[in-house]
């Protein structure tokens, strides 16, 4: 697909359970956790549905 309709999205890089646990700890302890490494970004083509990183060679 050569169309330029790439949309940048982010998804959880860790399991949902681990994220819930971190959220729970943050609420209980009253401090925020570092968000680095929790989300990873990827690109999605809105016309063909391709997902990945266009800068990385396949």
N, C-alpha and C. Protein backbone atom coordinates (compact mmCIF):
# COMPACT_ATOMS: atom_id res chain seq x y z
N UNK A 1 0.84 -1.19 0.00
CA UNK A 1 0.00 0.00 0.00
C UNK A 1 0.88 1.25 0.00
N UNK A 2 0.74 2.10 -0.99
CA UNK A 2 1.58 3.28 -1.09
C UNK A 2 0.85 4.56 -0.69
N UNK A 3 -0.35 4.42 -0.15
CA UNK A 3 -1.09 5.62 0.22
C UNK A 3 -0.47 6.27 1.46
N UNK A 4 -0.68 7.55 1.59
CA UNK A 4 -0.06 8.28 2.70
C UNK A 4 -1.09 8.62 3.79
N UNK A 5 -1.95 7.66 4.08
CA UNK A 5 -2.97 7.88 5.10
C UNK A 5 -2.58 7.16 6.39
N UNK A 6 -1.30 7.34 6.78
CA UNK A 6 -0.80 6.70 7.99
C UNK A 6 -1.26 7.48 9.23
N UNK A 7 -1.77 6.75 10.19
CA UNK A 7 -2.21 7.35 11.44
C UNK A 7 -1.34 6.80 12.56
N UNK A 8 -0.82 7.69 13.39
CA UNK A 8 0.04 7.24 14.49
C UNK A 8 -0.83 6.90 15.69
N UNK A 9 -0.69 5.70 16.18
CA UNK A 9 -1.46 5.24 17.33
C UNK A 9 -0.51 4.78 18.41
N UNK A 10 -1.03 4.60 19.61
CA UNK A 10 -0.22 4.02 20.68
C UNK A 10 -1.01 2.91 21.35
N UNK A 11 -0.30 1.90 21.76
CA UNK A 11 -0.95 0.77 22.43
C UNK A 11 -0.13 0.39 23.65
N UNK A 12 -0.76 -0.36 24.54
CA UNK A 12 -0.09 -0.79 25.76
C UNK A 12 1.01 -1.78 25.42
N UNK A 13 2.20 -1.54 25.93
CA UNK A 13 3.32 -2.45 25.71
C UNK A 13 3.41 -3.49 26.83
N UNK A 14 2.64 -3.24 27.91
CA UNK A 14 2.62 -4.20 29.02
C UNK A 14 1.23 -4.82 29.09
N UNK A 15 1.09 -5.85 29.89
CA UNK A 15 -0.21 -6.51 29.99
C UNK A 15 -1.21 -5.60 30.71
N UNK A 16 -2.48 -5.81 30.40
CA UNK A 16 -3.54 -5.00 30.98
C UNK A 16 -3.60 -5.18 32.50
N UNK A 17 -3.32 -6.40 32.96
CA UNK A 17 -3.33 -6.70 34.39
C UNK A 17 -2.25 -5.91 35.12
N UNK A 18 -1.07 -5.86 34.51
CA UNK A 18 0.05 -5.12 35.10
C UNK A 18 -0.28 -3.63 35.17
N UNK A 19 -0.92 -3.12 34.12
CA UNK A 19 -1.32 -1.72 34.08
C UNK A 19 -2.33 -1.42 35.19
N UNK A 20 -3.31 -2.32 35.38
CA UNK A 20 -4.31 -2.16 36.43
C UNK A 20 -3.66 -2.13 37.80
N UNK A 21 -2.68 -3.03 37.98
CA UNK A 21 -1.97 -3.10 39.25
C UNK A 21 -1.21 -1.80 39.52
N UNK A 22 -0.59 -1.26 38.49
CA UNK A 22 0.15 0.00 38.62
C UNK A 22 -0.80 1.16 38.92
N UNK A 23 -1.98 1.14 38.27
CA UNK A 23 -2.98 2.17 38.53
C UNK A 23 -3.45 2.10 39.98
N UNK A 24 -3.68 0.88 40.45
CA UNK A 24 -4.15 0.66 41.81
C UNK A 24 -3.12 1.14 42.83
N UNK A 25 -1.86 0.81 42.58
CA UNK A 25 -0.77 1.25 43.47
C UNK A 25 -0.66 2.77 43.47
N UNK A 26 -0.82 3.37 42.32
CA UNK A 26 -0.71 4.83 42.21
C UNK A 26 -1.83 5.52 42.99
N UNK A 27 -3.03 4.93 42.95
CA UNK A 27 -4.16 5.51 43.67
C UNK A 27 -3.96 5.35 45.18
N UNK A 28 -3.55 4.16 45.60
CA UNK A 28 -3.36 3.89 47.03
C UNK A 28 -2.21 4.68 47.63
N UNK A 29 -1.12 4.75 46.93
CA UNK A 29 0.08 5.40 47.47
C UNK A 29 0.08 6.91 47.23
N UNK A 30 -0.79 7.36 46.33
CA UNK A 30 -0.89 8.78 46.08
C UNK A 30 0.24 9.34 45.23
N UNK A 31 0.94 8.48 44.51
CA UNK A 31 1.98 8.99 43.61
C UNK A 31 1.75 8.44 42.22
N UNK A 32 2.28 9.13 41.24
CA UNK A 32 2.12 8.71 39.85
C UNK A 32 3.32 7.91 39.40
N UNK A 33 3.08 6.93 38.58
CA UNK A 33 4.19 6.14 38.04
C UNK A 33 4.66 6.72 36.72
N UNK A 34 5.84 6.34 36.34
CA UNK A 34 6.43 6.83 35.10
C UNK A 34 5.75 6.17 33.90
N UNK A 35 5.32 6.97 32.94
CA UNK A 35 4.61 6.42 31.79
C UNK A 35 5.50 5.95 30.66
N UNK A 36 6.82 6.12 30.83
CA UNK A 36 7.74 5.71 29.78
C UNK A 36 7.82 4.20 29.71
N UNK A 37 7.67 3.65 28.52
CA UNK A 37 7.77 2.21 28.35
C UNK A 37 6.44 1.48 28.49
N UNK A 38 5.41 2.19 28.93
CA UNK A 38 4.11 1.54 29.07
C UNK A 38 3.41 1.49 27.71
N UNK A 39 3.53 2.58 26.97
CA UNK A 39 2.91 2.63 25.65
C UNK A 39 3.96 2.58 24.55
N UNK A 40 3.64 1.86 23.49
CA UNK A 40 4.50 1.85 22.31
C UNK A 40 3.68 2.39 21.15
N UNK A 41 4.32 3.16 20.29
CA UNK A 41 3.58 3.74 19.19
C UNK A 41 3.78 2.91 17.93
N UNK A 42 2.75 2.90 17.10
CA UNK A 42 2.83 2.21 15.82
C UNK A 42 2.01 3.01 14.81
N UNK A 43 2.17 2.67 13.57
CA UNK A 43 1.45 3.37 12.52
C UNK A 43 0.43 2.44 11.90
N UNK A 44 -0.73 3.01 11.55
CA UNK A 44 -1.78 2.22 10.92
C UNK A 44 -2.26 2.95 9.68
N UNK A 45 -2.39 2.21 8.61
CA UNK A 45 -2.90 2.79 7.37
C UNK A 45 -4.43 2.73 7.40
N UNK A 46 -5.09 3.87 7.23
CA UNK A 46 -6.54 3.88 7.34
C UNK A 46 -7.22 3.34 6.08
N UNK A 47 -6.48 3.18 4.98
CA UNK A 47 -7.11 2.66 3.77
C UNK A 47 -7.00 1.14 3.65
N UNK A 48 -5.83 0.57 4.01
CA UNK A 48 -5.69 -0.89 3.84
C UNK A 48 -5.60 -1.63 5.17
N UNK A 49 -5.45 -0.90 6.29
CA UNK A 49 -5.42 -1.55 7.59
C UNK A 49 -4.07 -2.09 8.00
N UNK A 50 -3.01 -1.75 7.24
CA UNK A 50 -1.66 -2.21 7.58
C UNK A 50 -1.20 -1.56 8.87
N UNK A 51 -0.53 -2.34 9.71
CA UNK A 51 0.02 -1.81 10.97
C UNK A 51 1.51 -2.06 11.01
N UNK A 52 2.25 -1.12 11.56
CA UNK A 52 3.69 -1.30 11.69
C UNK A 52 4.41 0.02 11.73
N UNK A 53 5.69 -0.05 11.46
CA UNK A 53 6.52 1.15 11.45
C UNK A 53 7.06 1.36 10.05
N UNK A 54 6.63 2.41 9.36
CA UNK A 54 7.08 2.63 7.98
C UNK A 54 8.57 2.94 7.87
N UNK A 55 9.19 3.37 8.98
CA UNK A 55 10.62 3.68 8.96
C UNK A 55 11.48 2.44 9.10
N UNK A 56 10.90 1.37 9.64
CA UNK A 56 11.65 0.13 9.83
C UNK A 56 11.47 -0.74 8.59
N UNK A 57 12.55 -1.29 8.08
CA UNK A 57 12.44 -2.12 6.88
C UNK A 57 11.78 -3.45 7.23
N UNK A 58 10.89 -3.96 6.37
CA UNK A 58 10.15 -5.19 6.67
C UNK A 58 11.01 -6.43 6.69
